[in-house]
Amino acid sequence: MAKGKGASRTAQRRGAFKPTARVTFRYIKSGFHRVITANGIHGGPTPNGKMIAMSLFNERQPIPQEEVYGVDKNGKLTERPLQRTQEGDIIREVETTVLMEPQVAARIRDWLDAMIRAVPNQTGQKP
């Protein structure tokens, strides 16, 4: 008897290889799970060329790092700041980066294509 066949029969007797018509996947959220808004993506092939890096970002105006207000003789602040310090015109905050194999990227692309077709555009028509 071949070595592989005997091991397989032993495992079958213990119930390790019971055929089944269905499989249940249970989804749990990691401690780092959160809902984010994505306004765009940035990425490309990883340096070794075996995976794809996809970073999701949101765009917003920068929050001032500092504002200086005037104070009138009654101790009331001026309505608008006299001086504001901020960096850049638009902030692109990278929320997460996903590394994936090309086959996974293709499945995500196909899923996104299906979701885009399922959601009507602003005119109420499907793309």
N, C-alpha and C. Protein backbone atom coordinates (compact mmCIF):
# COMPACT_ATOMS: atom_id res chain seq x y z
N MET A 1 0.85 -1.18 0.00
CA MET A 1 0.00 0.00 0.00
C MET A 1 0.89 1.23 0.00
N ALA A 2 0.55 2.22 -0.82
CA ALA A 2 1.32 3.44 -0.90
C ALA A 2 1.18 4.22 0.39
N LYS A 3 2.27 4.89 0.77
CA LYS A 3 2.29 5.64 2.02
C LYS A 3 1.19 6.69 2.08
N GLY A 4 0.99 7.42 1.01
CA GLY A 4 -0.03 8.48 0.98
C GLY A 4 -1.44 7.95 1.12
N LYS A 5 -1.74 6.82 0.50
CA LYS A 5 -3.08 6.26 0.56
C LYS A 5 -3.45 5.84 1.97
N GLY A 6 -2.53 5.18 2.67
CA GLY A 6 -2.81 4.73 4.03
C GLY A 6 -3.08 5.89 4.96
N ALA A 7 -2.30 6.96 4.83
CA ALA A 7 -2.49 8.14 5.68
C ALA A 7 -3.83 8.78 5.39
N SER A 8 -4.23 8.78 4.12
CA SER A 8 -5.50 9.39 3.74
C SER A 8 -6.66 8.61 4.32
N ARG A 9 -6.59 7.26 4.24
CA ARG A 9 -7.68 6.44 4.79
C ARG A 9 -7.80 6.61 6.30
N THR A 10 -6.66 6.71 6.98
CA THR A 10 -6.68 6.90 8.43
C THR A 10 -7.36 8.22 8.77
N ALA A 11 -7.03 9.26 8.03
CA ALA A 11 -7.64 10.57 8.27
C ALA A 11 -9.13 10.53 7.98
N GLN A 12 -9.52 9.80 6.92
CA GLN A 12 -10.95 9.69 6.58
C GLN A 12 -11.71 8.98 7.70
N ARG A 13 -11.12 7.96 8.29
CA ARG A 13 -11.78 7.25 9.38
C ARG A 13 -11.99 8.15 10.59
N ARG A 14 -11.08 9.07 10.82
CA ARG A 14 -11.21 10.01 11.95
C ARG A 14 -12.17 11.15 11.62
N GLY A 15 -12.63 11.24 10.38
CA GLY A 15 -13.59 12.28 10.02
C GLY A 15 -12.96 13.57 9.52
N ALA A 16 -11.66 13.57 9.27
CA ALA A 16 -10.98 14.79 8.84
C ALA A 16 -11.36 15.20 7.42
N PHE A 17 -11.77 14.27 6.59
CA PHE A 17 -12.04 14.59 5.21
C PHE A 17 -13.50 14.34 4.83
N LYS A 18 -14.41 14.59 5.73
CA LYS A 18 -15.83 14.39 5.41
C LYS A 18 -16.23 15.36 4.32
N PRO A 19 -16.81 14.84 3.25
CA PRO A 19 -17.28 15.76 2.22
C PRO A 19 -18.48 16.55 2.73
N THR A 20 -18.58 17.78 2.30
CA THR A 20 -19.70 18.62 2.73
C THR A 20 -20.19 19.44 1.54
N ALA A 21 -21.45 19.77 1.56
CA ALA A 21 -22.03 20.53 0.47
C ALA A 21 -21.97 22.03 0.74
N ARG A 22 -21.57 22.42 1.95
CA ARG A 22 -21.50 23.85 2.24
C ARG A 22 -20.41 24.16 3.24
N VAL A 23 -19.93 25.37 3.17
CA VAL A 23 -18.90 25.86 4.07
C VAL A 23 -19.36 27.21 4.58
N THR A 24 -19.23 27.46 5.85
CA THR A 24 -19.63 28.74 6.43
C THR A 24 -18.38 29.54 6.79
N PHE A 25 -18.32 30.77 6.30
CA PHE A 25 -17.25 31.68 6.66
C PHE A 25 -17.80 32.66 7.68
N ARG A 26 -17.10 32.84 8.77
CA ARG A 26 -17.52 33.78 9.80
C ARG A 26 -16.61 35.00 9.72
N TYR A 27 -17.21 36.18 9.64
CA TYR A 27 -16.44 37.42 9.55
C TYR A 27 -16.40 38.07 10.93
N ILE A 28 -15.20 38.42 11.37
CA ILE A 28 -15.05 39.18 12.61
C ILE A 28 -14.23 40.43 12.30
N LYS A 29 -14.48 41.49 13.04
CA LYS A 29 -13.75 42.73 12.84
C LYS A 29 -12.56 42.77 13.79
N SER A 30 -11.39 43.10 13.25
CA SER A 30 -10.21 43.20 14.09
C SER A 30 -10.36 44.41 15.01
N GLY A 31 -9.52 44.50 16.00
CA GLY A 31 -9.52 45.63 16.90
C GLY A 31 -9.17 46.94 16.20
N PHE A 32 -8.61 46.85 15.00
CA PHE A 32 -8.23 48.04 14.25
C PHE A 32 -9.26 48.42 13.19
N HIS A 33 -10.36 47.69 13.10
CA HIS A 33 -11.37 47.96 12.08
C HIS A 33 -12.01 49.32 12.32
N ARG A 34 -12.23 50.05 11.24
CA ARG A 34 -12.96 51.32 11.29
C ARG A 34 -13.47 51.61 9.90
N VAL A 35 -14.45 52.48 9.82
CA VAL A 35 -14.99 52.90 8.54
C VAL A 35 -14.26 54.18 8.14
N ILE A 36 -13.81 54.23 6.89
CA ILE A 36 -13.08 55.41 6.41
C ILE A 36 -13.73 55.92 5.14
N THR A 37 -13.45 57.17 4.82
CA THR A 37 -13.85 57.75 3.55
C THR A 37 -12.64 57.76 2.63
N ALA A 38 -12.81 57.32 1.41
CA ALA A 38 -11.71 57.33 0.46
C ALA A 38 -12.07 58.26 -0.69
N ASN A 39 -11.22 59.26 -0.90
CA ASN A 39 -11.38 60.18 -2.03
C ASN A 39 -10.44 59.83 -3.18
N GLY A 40 -9.52 58.93 -2.92
CA GLY A 40 -8.59 58.56 -3.98
C GLY A 40 -7.65 57.46 -3.53
N ILE A 41 -6.82 57.03 -4.47
CA ILE A 41 -5.83 55.97 -4.21
C ILE A 41 -4.48 56.39 -4.76
N HIS A 42 -3.47 55.79 -4.22
CA HIS A 42 -2.10 55.99 -4.70
C HIS A 42 -1.40 54.66 -4.51
N GLY A 43 -0.53 54.29 -5.40
CA GLY A 43 0.19 53.04 -5.23
C GLY A 43 0.77 52.53 -6.51
N GLY A 44 1.09 51.26 -6.51
CA GLY A 44 1.69 50.61 -7.67
C GLY A 44 2.35 49.32 -7.24
N PRO A 45 3.14 48.73 -8.13
CA PRO A 45 3.82 47.48 -7.79
C PRO A 45 4.80 47.70 -6.63
N THR A 46 4.94 46.68 -5.79
CA THR A 46 5.93 46.75 -4.72
C THR A 46 7.33 46.63 -5.34
N PRO A 47 8.37 47.00 -4.60
CA PRO A 47 9.73 46.96 -5.17
C PRO A 47 10.14 45.60 -5.74
N ASN A 48 9.67 44.52 -5.15
CA ASN A 48 10.05 43.20 -5.69
C ASN A 48 9.18 42.79 -6.87
N GLY A 49 8.14 43.60 -7.18
CA GLY A 49 7.30 43.34 -8.33
C GLY A 49 6.31 42.20 -8.18
N LYS A 50 6.21 41.63 -6.98
CA LYS A 50 5.33 40.48 -6.79
C LYS A 50 3.95 40.86 -6.26
N MET A 51 3.83 42.06 -5.71
CA MET A 51 2.55 42.47 -5.13
C MET A 51 2.20 43.88 -5.60
N ILE A 52 0.99 44.29 -5.27
CA ILE A 52 0.51 45.63 -5.57
C ILE A 52 0.20 46.33 -4.26
N ALA A 53 0.68 47.56 -4.12
CA ALA A 53 0.37 48.38 -2.94
C ALA A 53 -0.70 49.38 -3.33
N MET A 54 -1.75 49.47 -2.54
CA MET A 54 -2.84 50.41 -2.80
C MET A 54 -3.10 51.18 -1.51
N SER A 55 -2.80 52.48 -1.53
CA SER A 55 -3.06 53.34 -0.38
C SER A 55 -4.32 54.14 -0.63
N LEU A 56 -5.23 54.12 0.33
CA LEU A 56 -6.47 54.90 0.24
C LEU A 56 -6.30 56.17 1.05
N PHE A 57 -6.71 57.30 0.45
CA PHE A 57 -6.58 58.57 1.17
C PHE A 57 -7.85 59.37 1.09
N ASN A 58 -8.00 60.30 2.03
CA ASN A 58 -9.08 61.27 1.95
C ASN A 58 -8.45 62.65 1.80
N GLU A 59 -9.19 63.55 1.19
CA GLU A 59 -8.70 64.91 0.95
C GLU A 59 -9.50 65.89 1.78
N ARG A 60 -8.80 66.89 2.29
CA ARG A 60 -9.45 67.94 3.06
C ARG A 60 -8.55 69.16 3.08
N GLN A 61 -9.13 70.26 3.48
CA GLN A 61 -8.32 71.45 3.68
C GLN A 61 -7.50 71.27 4.95
N PRO A 62 -6.32 71.87 4.99
CA PRO A 62 -5.51 71.70 6.20
C PRO A 62 -6.12 72.40 7.41
N ILE A 63 -5.91 71.80 8.55
CA ILE A 63 -6.30 72.42 9.81
C ILE A 63 -5.16 73.35 10.19
N PRO A 64 -5.45 74.58 10.58
CA PRO A 64 -4.36 75.49 10.96
C PRO A 64 -3.54 74.92 12.11
N GLN A 65 -2.25 75.14 12.04
CA GLN A 65 -1.39 74.74 13.15
C GLN A 65 -1.42 75.80 14.24
N GLU A 66 -1.73 77.02 13.80
CA GLU A 66 -1.76 78.12 14.77
C GLU A 66 -2.59 79.26 14.21
N GLU A 67 -3.35 79.92 15.07
CA GLU A 67 -4.10 81.12 14.71
C GLU A 67 -3.86 82.18 15.78
N VAL A 68 -3.71 83.42 15.32
CA VAL A 68 -3.52 84.53 16.25
C VAL A 68 -4.72 85.47 16.11
N TYR A 69 -5.41 85.74 17.21
CA TYR A 69 -6.57 86.63 17.23
C TYR A 69 -6.22 87.91 17.98
N GLY A 70 -6.86 88.97 17.56
CA GLY A 70 -6.74 90.22 18.29
C GLY A 70 -7.72 90.23 19.46
N VAL A 71 -7.42 91.05 20.45
CA VAL A 71 -8.29 91.20 21.61
C VAL A 71 -8.61 92.69 21.74
N ASP A 72 -9.91 93.03 21.78
CA ASP A 72 -10.29 94.44 21.90
C ASP A 72 -10.17 94.90 23.35
N LYS A 73 -10.47 96.17 23.61
CA LYS A 73 -10.28 96.75 24.94
C LYS A 73 -11.19 96.12 26.00
N ASN A 74 -12.26 95.46 25.55
CA ASN A 74 -13.17 94.77 26.48
C ASN A 74 -12.78 93.30 26.70
N GLY A 75 -11.68 92.87 26.08
CA GLY A 75 -11.22 91.50 26.24
C GLY A 75 -11.88 90.51 25.29
N LYS A 76 -12.61 91.03 24.31
CA LYS A 76 -13.31 90.17 23.35
C LYS A 76 -12.40 89.87 22.15
N LEU A 77 -12.41 88.60 21.70
CA LEU A 77 -11.59 88.21 20.54
C LEU A 77 -12.17 88.80 19.26
N THR A 78 -11.27 89.10 18.32
CA THR A 78 -11.72 89.53 17.00
C THR A 78 -12.45 88.38 16.33
N GLU A 79 -13.34 88.71 15.41
CA GLU A 79 -14.15 87.69 14.75
C GLU A 79 -13.31 86.73 13.91
N ARG A 80 -12.32 87.25 13.24
CA ARG A 80 -11.45 86.44 12.39
C ARG A 80 -10.01 86.52 12.90
N PRO A 81 -9.22 85.47 12.62
CA PRO A 81 -7.83 85.52 13.05
C PRO A 81 -7.04 86.58 12.29
N LEU A 82 -6.08 87.18 12.98
CA LEU A 82 -5.18 88.14 12.34
C LEU A 82 -4.11 87.42 11.55
N GLN A 83 -3.76 86.22 11.99
CA GLN A 83 -2.70 85.45 11.36
C GLN A 83 -3.03 83.96 11.49
N ARG A 84 -2.72 83.22 10.45
CA ARG A 84 -2.98 81.76 10.46
C ARG A 84 -1.76 81.07 9.85
N THR A 85 -1.30 80.02 10.51
CA THR A 85 -0.19 79.22 10.01
C THR A 85 -0.70 77.83 9.69
N GLN A 86 -0.48 77.39 8.44
CA GLN A 86 -0.88 76.05 8.03
C GLN A 86 0.07 75.56 6.96
N GLU A 87 0.12 74.25 6.80
CA GLU A 87 0.99 73.65 5.79
C GLU A 87 0.18 73.16 4.61
N GLY A 88 0.57 73.57 3.42
CA GLY A 88 -0.04 73.06 2.20
C GLY A 88 -1.41 73.64 1.90
N ASP A 89 -1.89 73.34 0.69
CA ASP A 89 -3.20 73.80 0.24
C ASP A 89 -4.28 72.75 0.48
N ILE A 90 -3.90 71.50 0.26
CA ILE A 90 -4.83 70.38 0.45
C ILE A 90 -4.07 69.26 1.15
N ILE A 91 -4.72 68.64 2.12
CA ILE A 91 -4.13 67.51 2.82
C ILE A 91 -4.69 66.23 2.23
N ARG A 92 -3.82 65.30 1.93
CA ARG A 92 -4.22 63.95 1.54
C ARG A 92 -3.77 63.05 2.69
N GLU A 93 -4.74 62.66 3.50
CA GLU A 93 -4.44 61.83 4.66
C GLU A 93 -4.58 60.36 4.26
N VAL A 94 -3.47 59.65 4.28
CA VAL A 94 -3.48 58.23 3.91
C VAL A 94 -4.06 57.45 5.08
N GLU A 95 -5.18 56.79 4.84
CA GLU A 95 -5.89 56.07 5.89
C GLU A 95 -5.37 54.65 6.07
N THR A 96 -5.07 53.99 4.95
CA THR A 96 -4.59 52.61 5.03
C THR A 96 -3.89 52.25 3.72
N THR A 97 -3.02 51.27 3.80
CA THR A 97 -2.36 50.73 2.62
C THR A 97 -2.60 49.22 2.61
N VAL A 98 -3.04 48.72 1.46
CA VAL A 98 -3.33 47.30 1.30
C VAL A 98 -2.30 46.72 0.33
N LEU A 99 -1.64 45.65 0.74
CA LEU A 99 -0.72 44.93 -0.13
C LEU A 99 -1.42 43.66 -0.59
N MET A 100 -1.41 43.42 -1.90
CA MET A 100 -2.15 42.26 -2.43
C MET A 100 -1.45 41.67 -3.64
N GLU A 101 -1.72 40.40 -3.86
CA GLU A 101 -1.23 39.73 -5.05
C GLU A 101 -2.06 40.20 -6.24
N PRO A 102 -1.51 40.16 -7.45
CA PRO A 102 -2.26 40.60 -8.63
C PRO A 102 -3.61 39.90 -8.80
N GLN A 103 -3.69 38.61 -8.45
CA GLN A 103 -4.96 37.88 -8.58
C GLN A 103 -6.02 38.46 -7.65
N VAL A 104 -5.60 38.87 -6.46
CA VAL A 104 -6.54 39.48 -5.51
C VAL A 104 -6.97 40.85 -6.04
N ALA A 105 -6.03 41.61 -6.59
CA ALA A 105 -6.36 42.92 -7.17
C ALA A 105 -7.38 42.76 -8.29
N ALA A 106 -7.24 41.72 -9.10
CA ALA A 106 -8.19 41.48 -10.19
C ALA A 106 -9.58 41.16 -9.63
N ARG A 107 -9.64 40.37 -8.55
CA ARG A 107 -10.94 40.07 -7.95
C ARG A 107 -11.57 41.32 -7.35
N ILE A 108 -10.76 42.18 -6.75
CA ILE A 108 -11.28 43.45 -6.21
C ILE A 108 -11.79 44.32 -7.35
N ARG A 109 -11.03 44.38 -8.45
CA ARG A 109 -11.46 45.15 -9.62
C ARG A 109 -12.81 44.66 -10.13
N ASP A 110 -12.95 43.34 -10.26
CA ASP A 110 -14.21 42.77 -10.75
C ASP A 110 -15.36 43.10 -9.80
N TRP A 111 -15.10 43.00 -8.50
CA TRP A 111 -16.13 43.31 -7.51
C TRP A 111 -16.51 44.79 -7.59
N LEU A 112 -15.52 45.67 -7.70
CA LEU A 112 -15.81 47.11 -7.83
C LEU A 112 -16.61 47.39 -9.10
N ASP A 113 -16.25 46.75 -10.21
CA ASP A 113 -17.02 46.92 -11.45
C ASP A 113 -18.48 46.54 -11.24
N ALA A 114 -18.72 45.43 -10.56
CA ALA A 114 -20.10 44.99 -10.30
C ALA A 114 -20.82 45.98 -9.39
N MET A 115 -20.14 46.52 -8.38
CA MET A 115 -20.76 47.48 -7.46
C MET A 115 -21.07 48.80 -8.19
N ILE A 116 -20.18 49.21 -9.08
CA ILE A 116 -20.40 50.44 -9.85
C ILE A 116 -21.63 50.29 -10.74
N ARG A 117 -21.77 49.13 -11.35
CA ARG A 117 -22.96 48.88 -12.19
C ARG A 117 -24.24 48.83 -11.35
N ALA A 118 -24.13 48.40 -10.11
CA ALA A 118 -25.31 48.24 -9.25
C ALA A 118 -25.80 49.55 -8.64
N VAL A 119 -24.92 50.55 -8.56
CA VAL A 119 -25.28 51.83 -7.93
C VAL A 119 -25.58 52.86 -9.01
N PRO A 120 -26.79 53.44 -9.02
CA PRO A 120 -27.10 54.45 -10.03
C PRO A 120 -26.20 55.69 -9.86
N ASN A 121 -25.86 56.31 -10.99
CA ASN A 121 -25.06 57.54 -10.89
C ASN A 121 -25.99 58.70 -10.51
N GLN A 122 -25.47 59.91 -10.50
CA GLN A 122 -26.24 61.08 -10.02
C GLN A 122 -27.45 61.39 -10.88
N THR A 123 -27.48 60.95 -12.10
CA THR A 123 -28.63 61.20 -12.96
C THR A 123 -29.69 60.11 -12.82
N GLY A 124 -29.40 59.12 -11.94
CA GLY A 124 -30.35 58.03 -11.74
C GLY A 124 -30.18 56.89 -12.73
N GLN A 125 -29.19 57.02 -13.61
CA GLN A 125 -28.96 55.96 -14.59
C GLN A 125 -27.76 55.14 -14.15
N LYS A 126 -27.79 53.87 -14.49
CA LYS A 126 -26.64 53.03 -14.19
C LYS A 126 -25.56 53.28 -15.23
N PRO A 127 -24.26 53.26 -14.80
CA PRO A 127 -23.16 53.51 -15.75
C PRO A 127 -23.05 52.41 -16.79
